[in-house]
Amino acid sequence: MTCRHFKRAVLLCPLLISIVLSGGVLYAHEPIFSLGPETIFKGGIGVEVEAEYFEKTRLLRDGRVVSDPLDRENRGLKLNTEIIYGVTEDLSLTLSVPHLSLEKEETSGGRRIKKNSSGTGDLLLRGKYRLYKRQTPGVTVSLSPVFGIKLPTGDNDKDPALGTGSVDLLGGLAAGYESRRWYAFGDLRYRLNTKADNVKEGNALNYDLVFGARPWLTEYDRPDLVVLVEFNGEYEQKDRTGSERDPDSGGNTISISPGMLFSYRNVMFKAGIKIPISQELNGTQLGEDYEVVTALEAHF
């Protein structure tokens, strides 16, 4: 089911391109799996449609792959729509609305059991303020604080759950260097989770470093390609139920994520794959195999 939705999302990209392609140029280049410092112009509107697919099929115990007697598999597709608005030249606000399609399988008592759920996930409201920007011929250096709040709009009673049931706060800092040929981004983001139904998911720290290059230099109003490689890290604390910590939760994951950005005028197509290279998870947990993202973004 998720694969079918993923194929549909990919097939919608050419149609969406033909609908939104119009005058103007999309200047900002942002990483795929992390955040950059760019803001949209004052009064500008950006729309991004993103398809994200992941699979978890490997059981890890203290970071090492072990045999799974239940042969568990989790996979999911998130179709995410983002609306970006430029309040000022240096302040932009983003509303992110996810639609999730999740499934998990396991073998119990000699039977293969499958569970599915789908629907709207937790909404995210995010702001970005460009605190510093220095432009010299062909080079831009920027620094932006990031802040946000996640609202519990997803149904956390479903199995698999579509949300956490909690109101969570986000904060961080994103920096970027962009020239005609080279790109470099870095960010630190912290998510402070609150308690819901006596359960508190562990707070999370994301840390990312991104390098990119433009293989062919073109004019600003011509088709443009940028290739990227991201190094993405996420450290999560253990979950709590009441005052008890869950020993099979939290840990640190580091991934390498090659990707590309292809833009023409005011439209950009993004694609990338995130592959874990280190998963030091606490206790016994399913580790992520990979994550694939395709997205289409347009600015007006």
Protein backbone atom coordinates (compact mmCIF):
# COMPACT_ATOMS: atom_id res chain seq x y z
CA MET A 1 0.00 0.00 0.00
CA THR A 2 2.70 2.48 0.91
CA CYS A 3 4.71 1.65 -2.22
CA ARG A 4 1.66 2.34 -4.38
CA HIS A 5 1.13 5.75 -2.74
CA PHE A 6 4.82 6.53 -3.16
CA LYS A 7 4.67 5.79 -6.88
CA ARG A 8 1.61 8.02 -7.21
CA ALA A 9 3.38 10.86 -5.42
CA VAL A 10 6.36 10.60 -7.75
CA LEU A 11 4.11 10.53 -10.82
CA LEU A 12 2.36 13.71 -9.64
CA CYS A 13 5.59 15.71 -9.84
CA PRO A 14 5.55 16.39 -13.62
CA LEU A 15 1.90 17.44 -13.40
CA LEU A 16 2.58 19.83 -10.55
CA ILE A 17 5.54 21.30 -12.42
CA SER A 18 3.35 22.10 -15.42
CA ILE A 19 0.76 23.75 -13.14
CA VAL A 20 3.05 25.99 -11.06
CA LEU A 21 5.71 26.90 -13.63
CA SER A 22 5.50 30.63 -14.15
CA GLY A 23 7.64 33.77 -14.04
CA GLY A 24 10.29 34.39 -11.39
CA VAL A 25 13.37 32.63 -10.08
CA LEU A 26 13.78 30.37 -7.05
CA TYR A 27 16.96 31.64 -5.41
CA ALA A 28 17.09 29.72 -2.12
CA HIS A 29 18.74 26.32 -1.94
CA GLU A 30 18.02 24.28 1.19
CA PRO A 31 19.26 20.81 2.24
CA ILE A 32 16.93 17.83 1.92
CA PHE A 33 17.15 16.12 5.31
CA SER A 34 18.19 19.15 7.40
CA LEU A 35 17.57 22.91 7.55
CA GLY A 36 19.32 25.84 5.96
CA PRO A 37 19.18 29.53 6.96
CA GLU A 38 17.35 30.89 3.92
CA THR A 39 14.10 32.85 4.24
CA ILE A 40 11.62 33.70 1.50
CA PHE A 41 11.18 37.29 0.26
CA LYS A 42 8.67 39.64 1.94
CA GLY A 43 5.11 38.74 0.93
CA GLY A 44 6.35 35.65 -0.89
CA ILE A 45 4.60 32.30 -0.71
CA GLY A 46 6.30 28.94 -1.06
CA VAL A 47 4.62 25.58 -1.51
CA GLU A 48 6.43 22.29 -1.09
CA VAL A 49 4.98 18.80 -1.57
CA GLU A 50 7.22 16.05 -0.21
CA ALA A 51 7.00 12.25 -0.29
CA GLU A 52 9.06 10.45 2.37
CA TYR A 53 9.30 6.65 2.52
CA PHE A 54 11.13 4.61 5.18
CA GLU A 55 11.67 0.99 6.19
CA LYS A 56 12.78 -0.62 9.48
CA THR A 57 13.49 -4.34 9.29
CA ARG A 58 16.70 -4.88 11.28
CA LEU A 59 16.57 -5.67 15.00
CA LEU A 60 19.41 -4.08 16.94
CA ARG A 61 20.55 -4.91 20.45
CA ASP A 62 22.92 -2.31 21.91
CA GLY A 63 23.73 -1.20 18.36
CA ARG A 64 24.37 -4.67 16.88
CA VAL A 65 22.14 -6.56 14.45
CA VAL A 66 20.57 -9.64 16.05
CA SER A 67 18.09 -12.31 14.95
CA ASP A 68 14.46 -11.31 15.41
CA PRO A 69 12.16 -14.21 16.43
CA LEU A 70 9.12 -12.08 15.56
CA ASP A 71 10.52 -11.04 12.15
CA ARG A 72 9.22 -7.48 12.67
CA GLU A 73 8.96 -4.99 9.83
CA ASN A 74 7.86 -1.35 9.99
CA ARG A 75 7.45 0.89 6.97
CA GLY A 76 5.70 4.11 6.21
CA LEU A 77 5.01 6.90 3.77
CA LYS A 78 4.59 10.55 4.74
CA LEU A 79 3.10 12.95 2.21
CA ASN A 80 3.99 16.33 3.63
CA THR A 81 2.67 19.70 2.43
CA GLU A 82 4.47 22.86 3.53
CA ILE A 83 3.19 26.40 3.12
CA ILE A 84 5.85 29.10 3.61
CA TYR A 85 5.08 32.81 4.01
CA GLY A 86 7.54 35.70 4.06
CA VAL A 87 6.45 38.06 6.85
CA THR A 88 9.49 40.22 6.17
CA GLU A 89 12.63 39.73 4.14
CA ASP A 90 14.27 38.15 7.19
CA LEU A 91 11.33 36.34 8.85
CA SER A 92 9.45 33.43 7.33
CA LEU A 93 6.77 31.18 8.80
CA THR A 94 6.05 27.60 7.73
CA LEU A 95 3.01 25.39 8.25
CA SER A 96 3.72 21.68 7.73
CA VAL A 97 0.77 19.29 7.29
CA PRO A 98 1.66 15.57 7.07
CA HIS A 99 -0.51 12.73 5.83
CA LEU A 100 0.78 9.36 7.03
CA SER A 101 0.32 5.81 5.79
CA LEU A 102 1.97 3.37 8.19
CA GLU A 103 2.14 -0.41 8.47
CA LYS A 104 3.87 -2.95 10.66
CA GLU A 105 4.15 -6.72 10.52
CA GLU A 106 5.28 -9.45 12.88
CA THR A 107 5.01 -13.21 13.23
CA SER A 108 3.28 -14.53 16.34
CA GLY A 109 2.01 -18.04 17.01
CA GLY A 110 2.95 -19.10 13.50
CA ARG A 111 0.78 -16.37 11.94
CA ARG A 112 1.86 -13.23 10.11
CA ILE A 113 0.06 -10.24 11.65
CA LYS A 114 -0.25 -6.96 9.77
CA LYS A 115 -1.50 -3.65 11.12
CA ASN A 116 -2.14 -0.47 9.10
CA SER A 117 -3.18 3.08 9.85
CA SER A 118 -3.43 6.26 7.82
CA GLY A 119 -4.50 9.83 8.30
CA THR A 120 -3.27 13.28 9.27
CA GLY A 121 -0.22 13.39 11.52
CA ASP A 122 0.96 16.09 13.93
CA LEU A 123 1.02 19.64 12.51
CA LEU A 124 4.20 21.68 12.76
CA LEU A 125 4.41 25.48 12.90
CA ARG A 126 7.96 26.72 12.33
CA GLY A 127 9.57 30.12 12.10
CA LYS A 128 12.96 31.18 10.83
CA TYR A 129 14.59 34.58 11.43
CA ARG A 130 17.65 35.55 9.41
CA LEU A 131 19.85 37.12 12.06
CA TYR A 132 22.89 37.66 9.87
CA LYS A 133 23.48 37.91 6.14
CA ARG A 134 26.64 38.98 4.34
CA GLN A 135 26.75 39.20 0.56
CA THR A 136 29.84 39.67 -1.57
CA PRO A 137 30.00 39.11 -5.35
CA GLY A 138 28.85 35.53 -5.91
CA VAL A 139 28.86 34.56 -2.20
CA THR A 140 26.20 34.65 0.54
CA VAL A 141 26.78 33.77 4.21
CA SER A 142 23.72 33.53 6.49
CA LEU A 143 22.81 32.62 10.06
CA SER A 144 19.23 32.02 11.24
CA PRO A 145 17.65 30.93 14.54
CA VAL A 146 14.81 28.43 14.10
CA PHE A 147 11.81 27.98 16.40
CA GLY A 148 8.63 25.96 16.27
CA ILE A 149 5.83 24.04 17.92
CA LYS A 150 4.36 20.62 17.10
CA LEU A 151 0.64 20.19 17.75
CA PRO A 152 -1.03 16.85 18.64
CA THR A 153 -3.38 16.58 15.65
CA GLY A 154 -2.47 12.97 14.78
CA ASP A 155 -4.45 10.09 16.28
CA ASN A 156 -2.15 8.44 18.83
CA ASP A 157 -4.73 5.75 19.67
CA LYS A 158 -4.32 4.05 16.32
CA ASP A 159 -1.85 1.21 15.84
CA PRO A 160 0.58 2.29 14.42
CA ALA A 161 0.08 5.72 16.05
CA LEU A 162 -0.19 8.74 13.75
CA GLY A 163 0.99 11.20 16.41
CA THR A 164 2.52 11.45 19.86
CA GLY A 165 -0.38 13.17 21.62
CA SER A 166 1.97 15.81 23.01
CA VAL A 167 2.73 19.47 22.37
CA ASP A 168 6.45 19.68 21.57
CA LEU A 169 8.73 22.71 21.23
CA LEU A 170 11.58 23.12 18.76
CA GLY A 171 14.53 25.48 18.64
CA GLY A 172 17.83 25.65 16.81
CA LEU A 173 20.32 27.50 14.68
CA ALA A 174 21.10 27.10 10.96
CA ALA A 175 24.07 28.50 9.05
CA GLY A 176 24.96 28.47 5.38
CA TYR A 177 27.61 29.40 2.80
CA GLU A 178 26.50 29.65 -0.84
CA SER A 179 28.65 30.56 -3.83
CA ARG A 180 28.27 30.05 -7.55
CA ARG A 181 30.07 26.71 -7.28
CA TRP A 182 30.10 25.55 -3.64
CA TYR A 183 27.60 25.07 -0.82
CA ALA A 184 27.99 24.33 2.88
CA PHE A 185 25.28 24.15 5.55
CA GLY A 186 25.18 23.24 9.21
CA ASP A 187 22.49 23.19 11.86
CA LEU A 188 21.73 22.25 15.45
CA ARG A 189 18.10 21.60 16.44
CA TYR A 190 16.60 20.55 19.76
CA ARG A 191 13.10 19.13 20.30
CA LEU A 192 11.64 19.38 23.79
CA ASN A 193 8.86 16.83 24.17
CA THR A 194 6.08 17.04 26.75
CA LYS A 195 4.10 14.28 28.45
CA ALA A 196 0.91 12.75 27.03
CA ASP A 197 -1.09 9.90 28.63
CA ASN A 198 1.64 9.53 31.27
CA VAL A 199 4.25 8.90 28.53
CA LYS A 200 7.03 11.32 27.63
CA GLU A 201 9.09 10.59 24.55
CA GLY A 202 12.76 11.43 24.91
CA ASN A 203 13.97 14.88 23.89
CA ALA A 204 15.98 14.89 20.66
CA LEU A 205 19.02 16.72 19.32
CA ASN A 206 19.63 16.89 15.57
CA TYR A 207 23.04 17.89 14.22
CA ASP A 208 23.73 18.14 10.51
CA LEU A 209 26.55 19.07 8.16
CA VAL A 210 26.00 19.43 4.41
CA PHE A 211 28.32 19.97 1.45
CA GLY A 212 27.25 20.68 -2.12
CA ALA A 213 28.50 21.70 -5.54
CA ARG A 214 27.10 22.95 -8.81
CA PRO A 215 28.71 20.79 -11.54
CA TRP A 216 27.82 23.24 -14.32
CA LEU A 217 27.61 27.00 -13.88
CA THR A 218 24.53 28.42 -15.58
CA GLU A 219 22.70 31.73 -15.65
CA TYR A 220 20.20 32.35 -12.84
CA ASP A 221 17.17 31.93 -15.11
CA ARG A 222 18.38 28.66 -16.69
CA PRO A 223 17.97 25.05 -15.50
CA ASP A 224 20.29 24.49 -12.56
CA LEU A 225 21.64 21.35 -10.81
CA VAL A 226 23.22 21.12 -7.35
CA VAL A 227 24.47 17.82 -5.91
CA LEU A 228 24.65 17.39 -2.13
CA VAL A 229 25.98 15.02 0.48
CA GLU A 230 24.59 15.37 4.00
CA PHE A 231 25.83 13.96 7.28
CA ASN A 232 22.81 13.74 9.57
CA GLY A 233 22.89 12.94 13.26
CA GLU A 234 20.09 12.45 15.79
CA TYR A 235 20.48 11.79 19.49
CA GLU A 236 17.35 10.85 21.45
CA GLN A 237 16.97 10.47 25.18
CA LYS A 238 15.09 7.49 26.63
CA ASP A 239 11.30 7.60 26.82
CA ARG A 240 9.60 7.74 30.21
CA THR A 241 6.40 6.11 31.43
CA GLY A 242 5.61 7.81 34.71
CA SER A 243 8.99 7.97 36.44
CA GLU A 244 10.37 4.86 34.74
CA ARG A 245 12.76 5.06 31.82
CA ASP A 246 12.22 2.70 28.88
CA PRO A 247 15.52 0.82 28.40
CA ASP A 248 14.58 0.01 24.79
CA SER A 249 14.35 3.58 23.58
CA GLY A 250 16.61 6.45 22.59
CA GLY A 251 20.14 6.38 21.26
CA ASN A 252 22.24 7.99 18.56
CA THR A 253 22.01 7.55 14.78
CA ILE A 254 24.39 8.98 12.17
CA SER A 255 23.51 8.80 8.46
CA ILE A 256 25.01 9.76 5.12
CA SER A 257 22.55 11.21 2.63
CA PRO A 258 23.42 11.89 -1.02
CA GLY A 259 20.92 14.01 -2.93
CA MET A 260 20.28 16.53 -5.68
CA LEU A 261 18.41 19.79 -6.26
CA PHE A 262 17.22 20.61 -9.78
CA SER A 263 15.62 24.01 -10.30
CA TYR A 264 14.20 25.95 -13.20
CA ARG A 265 12.95 29.48 -12.65
CA ASN A 266 10.65 29.34 -9.59
CA VAL A 267 10.37 25.54 -9.31
CA MET A 268 12.74 23.09 -7.65
CA PHE A 269 12.76 19.27 -7.59
CA LYS A 270 14.59 17.54 -4.73
CA ALA A 271 15.54 13.90 -4.24
CA GLY A 272 17.75 12.09 -1.76
CA ILE A 273 18.31 8.90 0.20
CA LYS A 274 19.38 8.68 3.85
CA ILE A 275 21.44 5.62 4.80
CA PRO A 276 22.40 4.98 8.45
CA ILE A 277 26.10 4.31 8.96
CA SER A 278 25.99 4.14 12.76
CA GLN A 279 23.02 3.22 14.98
CA GLU A 280 23.95 3.13 18.66
CA LEU A 281 20.45 2.50 19.99
CA ASN A 282 19.68 1.68 23.62
CA GLY A 283 18.51 -1.84 24.45
CA THR A 284 16.62 -3.72 21.73
CA GLN A 285 14.98 -1.73 18.93
CA LEU A 286 14.25 -1.85 15.22
CA GLY A 287 16.83 0.21 13.35
CA GLU A 288 16.08 2.18 10.18
CA ASP A 289 17.20 0.60 6.89
CA TYR A 290 16.89 3.73 4.75
CA GLU A 291 14.73 6.75 4.01
CA VAL A 292 13.94 8.13 0.55
CA VAL A 293 12.63 11.65 -0.09
CA THR A 294 11.36 13.35 -3.24
CA ALA A 295 9.93 16.86 -3.16
CA LEU A 296 8.69 19.63 -5.39
CA GLU A 297 8.88 23.27 -4.30
CA ALA A 298 7.67 26.48 -5.91
CA HIS A 299 7.91 30.14 -4.85
CA PHE A 300 5.46 32.85 -5.91
